[in-house]
PDB file of N, CA and C in Angstrom:
ATOM      1  N   UNK A   1      12.499 -15.450   7.352  1.00  0.00           N
ATOM      2  CA  UNK A   1      13.342 -14.270   7.357  1.00  0.00           C
ATOM      3  C   UNK A   1      14.038 -14.170   8.715  1.00  0.00           C
ATOM      4  N   UNK A   2      15.190 -13.561   8.715  1.00  0.00           N
ATOM      5  CA  UNK A   2      15.979 -13.467   9.936  1.00  0.00           C
ATOM      6  C   UNK A   2      15.261 -12.623  10.988  1.00  0.00           C
ATOM      7  N   UNK A   3      15.548 -12.945  12.235  1.00  0.00           N
ATOM      8  CA  UNK A   3      14.924 -12.192  13.323  1.00  0.00           C
ATOM      9  C   UNK A   3      15.480 -10.769  13.374  1.00  0.00           C
ATOM     10  N   UNK A   4      16.792 -10.627  13.178  1.00  0.00           N
ATOM     11  CA  UNK A   4      17.429  -9.308  13.185  1.00  0.00           C
ATOM     12  C   UNK A   4      17.674  -8.879  11.751  1.00  0.00           C
ATOM     13  N   UNK A   5      17.028  -7.803  11.344  1.00  0.00           N
ATOM     14  CA  UNK A   5      17.082  -7.359   9.955  1.00  0.00           C
ATOM     15  C   UNK A   5      18.065  -6.207   9.808  1.00  0.00           C
ATOM     16  N   UNK A   6      18.792  -6.224   8.708  1.00  0.00           N
ATOM     17  CA  UNK A   6      19.723  -5.154   8.403  1.00  0.00           C
ATOM     18  C   UNK A   6      18.932  -3.866   8.149  1.00  0.00           C
ATOM     19  N   UNK A   7      19.455  -2.720   8.540  1.00  0.00           N
ATOM     20  CA  UNK A   7      18.701  -1.464   8.373  1.00  0.00           C
ATOM     21  C   UNK A   7      18.277  -1.181   6.932  1.00  0.00           C
ATOM     22  N   UNK A   8      19.128  -1.537   5.961  1.00  0.00           N
ATOM     23  CA  UNK A   8      18.749  -1.277   4.568  1.00  0.00           C
ATOM     24  C   UNK A   8      17.580  -2.159   4.145  1.00  0.00           C
ATOM     25  N   UNK A   9      17.544  -3.397   4.631  1.00  0.00           N
ATOM     26  CA  UNK A   9      16.418  -4.286   4.326  1.00  0.00           C
ATOM     27  C   UNK A   9      15.145  -3.775   4.988  1.00  0.00           C
ATOM     28  N   UNK A  10      15.257  -3.300   6.230  1.00  0.00           N
ATOM     29  CA  UNK A  10      14.097  -2.749   6.919  1.00  0.00           C
ATOM     30  C   UNK A  10      13.546  -1.543   6.167  1.00  0.00           C
ATOM     31  N   UNK A  11      14.448  -0.747   5.612  1.00  0.00           N
ATOM     32  CA  UNK A  11      14.040   0.435   4.859  1.00  0.00           C
ATOM     33  C   UNK A  11      13.251   0.030   3.607  1.00  0.00           C
ATOM     34  N   UNK A  12      13.733  -0.999   2.908  1.00  0.00           N
ATOM     35  CA  UNK A  12      13.035  -1.485   1.713  1.00  0.00           C
ATOM     36  C   UNK A  12      11.673  -2.076   2.068  1.00  0.00           C
ATOM     37  N   UNK A  13      11.626  -2.867   3.147  1.00  0.00           N
ATOM     38  CA  UNK A  13      10.366  -3.467   3.571  1.00  0.00           C
ATOM     39  C   UNK A  13       9.362  -2.401   3.999  1.00  0.00           C
ATOM     40  N   UNK A  14       9.858  -1.359   4.658  1.00  0.00           N
ATOM     41  CA  UNK A  14       9.005  -0.271   5.107  1.00  0.00           C
ATOM     42  C   UNK A  14       8.368   0.447   3.924  1.00  0.00           C
ATOM     43  N   UNK A  15       9.148   0.654   2.868  1.00  0.00           N
ATOM     44  CA  UNK A  15       8.614   1.311   1.670  1.00  0.00           C
ATOM     45  C   UNK A  15       7.536   0.457   1.027  1.00  0.00           C
ATOM     46  N   UNK A  16       7.784  -0.850   0.928  1.00  0.00           N
ATOM     47  CA  UNK A  16       6.808  -1.755   0.325  1.00  0.00           C
ATOM     48  C   UNK A  16       5.531  -1.819   1.162  1.00  0.00           C
ATOM     49  N   UNK A  17       5.674  -1.762   2.477  1.00  0.00           N
ATOM     50  CA  UNK A  17       4.504  -1.807   3.355  1.00  0.00           C
ATOM     51  C   UNK A  17       3.642  -0.564   3.181  1.00  0.00           C
ATOM     52  N   UNK A  18       4.270   0.595   2.997  1.00  0.00           N
ATOM     53  CA  UNK A  18       3.501   1.824   2.857  1.00  0.00           C
ATOM     54  C   UNK A  18       2.815   1.895   1.498  1.00  0.00           C
ATOM     55  N   UNK A  19       3.327   1.181   0.489  1.00  0.00           N
ATOM     56  CA  UNK A  19       2.708   1.200  -0.837  1.00  0.00           C
ATOM     57  C   UNK A  19       1.396   0.420  -0.871  1.00  0.00           C
ATOM     58  N   UNK A  20       1.176  -0.468   0.091  1.00  0.00           N
ATOM     59  CA  UNK A  20      -0.026  -1.296   0.068  1.00  0.00           C
ATOM     60  C   UNK A  20      -1.183  -0.659   0.823  1.00  0.00           C
ATOM     61  N   UNK A  21      -0.978   0.493   1.443  1.00  0.00           N
ATOM     62  CA  UNK A  21      -2.051   1.141   2.195  1.00  0.00           C
ATOM     63  C   UNK A  21      -3.079   1.745   1.244  1.00  0.00           C
ATOM     64  N   UNK A  22      -4.269   1.982   1.760  1.00  0.00           N
ATOM     65  CA  UNK A  22      -5.307   2.619   0.961  1.00  0.00           C
ATOM     66  C   UNK A  22      -4.917   4.036   0.620  1.00  0.00           C
ATOM     67  N   UNK A  23      -5.464   4.522  -0.465  1.00  0.00           N
ATOM     68  CA  UNK A  23      -5.280   5.925  -0.829  1.00  0.00           C
ATOM     69  C   UNK A  23      -6.041   6.790   0.176  1.00  0.00           C
ATOM     70  N   UNK A  24      -5.705   8.071   0.300  1.00  0.00           N
ATOM     71  CA  UNK A  24      -6.441   8.943   1.215  1.00  0.00           C
ATOM     72  C   UNK A  24      -7.915   9.053   0.822  1.00  0.00           C
ATOM     73  N   UNK A  25      -8.775   9.259   1.806  1.00  0.00           N
ATOM     74  CA  UNK A  25     -10.220   9.277   1.569  1.00  0.00           C
ATOM     75  C   UNK A  25     -10.633  10.424   0.654  1.00  0.00           C
ATOM     76  N   UNK A  26      -9.862  11.517   0.647  1.00  0.00           N
ATOM     77  CA  UNK A  26     -10.270  12.681  -0.146  1.00  0.00           C
ATOM     78  C   UNK A  26     -10.015  12.481  -1.641  1.00  0.00           C
ATOM     79  N   UNK A  27      -9.338  11.401  -2.041  1.00  0.00           N
ATOM     80  CA  UNK A  27      -9.120  11.171  -3.472  1.00  0.00           C
ATOM     81  C   UNK A  27     -10.406  10.756  -4.176  1.00  0.00           C
ATOM     82  N   UNK A  28     -11.352  10.164  -3.427  1.00  0.00           N
ATOM     83  CA  UNK A  28     -12.595   9.693  -4.049  1.00  0.00           C
ATOM     84  C   UNK A  28     -13.418  10.864  -4.588  1.00  0.00           C
ATOM     85  N   UNK A  29     -13.785  11.865  -3.760  1.00  0.00           N
ATOM     86  CA  UNK A  29     -14.543  12.983  -4.340  1.00  0.00           C
ATOM     87  C   UNK A  29     -13.727  13.787  -5.350  1.00  0.00           C
ATOM     88  N   UNK A  30     -12.421  13.818  -5.192  1.00  0.00           N
ATOM     89  CA  UNK A  30     -11.580  14.561  -6.138  1.00  0.00           C
ATOM     90  C   UNK A  30     -11.660  13.938  -7.537  1.00  0.00           C
ATOM     91  N   UNK A  31     -11.663  12.615  -7.608  1.00  0.00           N
ATOM     92  CA  UNK A  31     -11.667  11.935  -8.904  1.00  0.00           C
ATOM     93  C   UNK A  31     -13.081  11.814  -9.468  1.00  0.00           C
ATOM     94  N   UNK A  32     -14.043  11.404  -8.620  1.00  0.00           N
ATOM     95  CA  UNK A  32     -15.372  11.044  -9.116  1.00  0.00           C
ATOM     96  C   UNK A  32     -16.449  12.084  -8.847  1.00  0.00           C
ATOM     97  N   UNK A  33     -16.185  13.069  -7.995  1.00  0.00           N
ATOM     98  CA  UNK A  33     -17.225  14.014  -7.606  1.00  0.00           C
ATOM     99  C   UNK A  33     -17.827  13.607  -6.259  1.00  0.00           C
ATOM    100  N   UNK A  34     -18.691  14.452  -5.720  1.00  0.00           N
ATOM    101  CA  UNK A  34     -19.171  14.243  -4.356  1.00  0.00           C
ATOM    102  C   UNK A  34     -20.153  13.093  -4.233  1.00  0.00           C
ATOM    103  N   UNK A  35     -20.925  12.791  -5.256  1.00  0.00           N
ATOM    104  CA  UNK A  35     -21.988  11.809  -5.124  1.00  0.00           C
ATOM    105  C   UNK A  35     -21.522  10.365  -5.134  1.00  0.00           C
ATOM    106  N   UNK A  36     -20.389  10.104  -5.703  1.00  0.00           N
ATOM    107  CA  UNK A  36     -19.942   8.721  -5.919  1.00  0.00           C
ATOM    108  C   UNK A  36     -19.304   8.162  -4.653  1.00  0.00           C
ATOM    109  N   UNK A  37     -19.670   6.941  -4.298  1.00  0.00           N
ATOM    110  CA  UNK A  37     -19.095   6.306  -3.104  1.00  0.00           C
ATOM    111  C   UNK A  37     -18.291   5.092  -3.541  1.00  0.00           C
ATOM    112  N   UNK A  38     -16.990   5.245  -3.533  1.00  0.00           N
ATOM    113  CA  UNK A  38     -16.086   4.184  -3.976  1.00  0.00           C
ATOM    114  C   UNK A  38     -15.027   3.995  -2.901  1.00  0.00           C
ATOM    115  N   UNK A  39     -14.583   2.774  -2.735  1.00  0.00           N
ATOM    116  CA  UNK A  39     -13.571   2.480  -1.724  1.00  0.00           C
ATOM    117  C   UNK A  39     -12.227   3.067  -2.137  1.00  0.00           C
ATOM    118  N   UNK A  40     -11.529   3.755  -1.217  1.00  0.00           N
ATOM    119  CA  UNK A  40     -10.238   4.364  -1.579  1.00  0.00           C
ATOM    120  C   UNK A  40      -9.158   3.346  -1.912  1.00  0.00           C
ATOM    121  N   UNK A  41      -9.378   2.077  -1.573  1.00  0.00           N
ATOM    122  CA  UNK A  41      -8.399   1.057  -1.923  1.00  0.00           C
ATOM    123  C   UNK A  41      -8.249   0.858  -3.414  1.00  0.00           C
ATOM    124  N   UNK A  42      -9.216   1.322  -4.183  1.00  0.00           N
ATOM    125  CA  UNK A  42      -9.118   1.201  -5.640  1.00  0.00           C
ATOM    126  C   UNK A  42      -8.038   2.110  -6.217  1.00  0.00           C
ATOM    127  N   UNK A  43      -7.645   3.127  -5.495  1.00  0.00           N
ATOM    128  CA  UNK A  43      -6.680   4.094  -6.021  1.00  0.00           C
ATOM    129  C   UNK A  43      -5.247   3.800  -5.612  1.00  0.00           C
ATOM    130  N   UNK A  44      -5.025   2.724  -4.879  1.00  0.00           N
ATOM    131  CA  UNK A  44      -3.657   2.409  -4.487  1.00  0.00           C
ATOM    132  C   UNK A  44      -2.914   1.853  -5.684  1.00  0.00           C
ATOM    133  N   UNK A  45      -1.668   2.235  -5.822  1.00  0.00           N
ATOM    134  CA  UNK A  45      -0.881   1.832  -6.989  1.00  0.00           C
ATOM    135  C   UNK A  45      -0.510   0.362  -6.908  1.00  0.00           C
ATOM    136  N   UNK A  46      -0.023  -0.082  -5.751  1.00  0.00           N
ATOM    137  CA  UNK A  46       0.457  -1.449  -5.593  1.00  0.00           C
ATOM    138  C   UNK A  46      -0.489  -2.192  -4.669  1.00  0.00           C
ATOM    139  N   UNK A  47      -1.063  -3.283  -5.133  1.00  0.00           N
ATOM    140  CA  UNK A  47      -1.920  -4.099  -4.280  1.00  0.00           C
ATOM    141  C   UNK A  47      -1.188  -5.398  -3.982  1.00  0.00           C
ATOM    142  N   UNK A  48      -0.736  -5.530  -2.759  1.00  0.00           N
ATOM    143  CA  UNK A  48       0.033  -6.706  -2.367  1.00  0.00           C
ATOM    144  C   UNK A  48      -0.376  -7.090  -0.967  1.00  0.00           C
ATOM    145  N   UNK A  49      -0.385  -8.386  -0.693  1.00  0.00           N
ATOM    146  CA  UNK A  49      -0.708  -8.878   0.634  1.00  0.00           C
ATOM    147  C   UNK A  49       0.408  -9.815   1.077  1.00  0.00           C
ATOM    148  N   UNK A  50       0.694  -9.865   2.350  1.00  0.00           N
ATOM    149  CA  UNK A  50       1.819 -10.658   2.838  1.00  0.00           C
ATOM    150  C   UNK A  50       1.584 -12.157   2.654  1.00  0.00           C
ATOM    151  N   UNK A  51       0.315 -12.565   2.529  1.00  0.00           N
ATOM    152  CA  UNK A  51       0.036 -13.984   2.297  1.00  0.00           C
ATOM    153  C   UNK A  51       0.092 -14.334   0.809  1.00  0.00           C
ATOM    154  N   UNK A  52      -0.483 -13.474  -0.021  1.00  0.00           N
ATOM    155  CA  UNK A  52      -0.636 -13.792  -1.446  1.00  0.00           C
ATOM    156  C   UNK A  52       0.656 -13.597  -2.236  1.00  0.00           C
ATOM    157  N   UNK A  53       1.190 -12.386  -2.237  1.00  0.00           N
ATOM    158  CA  UNK A  53       2.316 -12.040  -3.099  1.00  0.00           C
ATOM    159  C   UNK A  53       3.560 -11.793  -2.268  1.00  0.00           C
ATOM    160  N   UNK A  54       4.633 -12.467  -2.596  1.00  0.00           N
ATOM    161  CA  UNK A  54       5.883 -12.324  -1.854  1.00  0.00           C
ATOM    162  C   UNK A  54       6.785 -11.279  -2.501  1.00  0.00           C
ATOM    163  N   UNK A  55       7.637 -10.702  -1.698  1.00  0.00           N
ATOM    164  CA  UNK A  55       8.604  -9.700  -2.173  1.00  0.00           C
ATOM    165  C   UNK A  55       9.914 -10.388  -2.519  1.00  0.00           C
ATOM    166  N   UNK A  56      10.677  -9.744  -3.359  1.00  0.00           N
ATOM    167  CA  UNK A  56      12.043 -10.190  -3.611  1.00  0.00           C
ATOM    168  C   UNK A  56      12.987  -9.207  -2.917  1.00  0.00           C
ATOM    169  N   UNK A  57      12.784  -9.029  -1.608  1.00  0.00           N
ATOM    170  CA  UNK A  57      13.571  -8.028  -0.873  1.00  0.00           C
ATOM    171  C   UNK A  57      14.703  -8.690  -0.113  1.00  0.00           C
TER     172      UNK A  57
END
């Protein structure tokens, strides 16, 4: 990828980067109740890694 990125491309990449973050920690007790201990990464909509899955951006 080019060293200098166009602002619109940076905007698209920024959105994709934020979609891969874990869900907030408070979603776990909200969905499952207080006793259940589950990783918040299970609630993220898009699971993508820069090594595994490439973007068409």
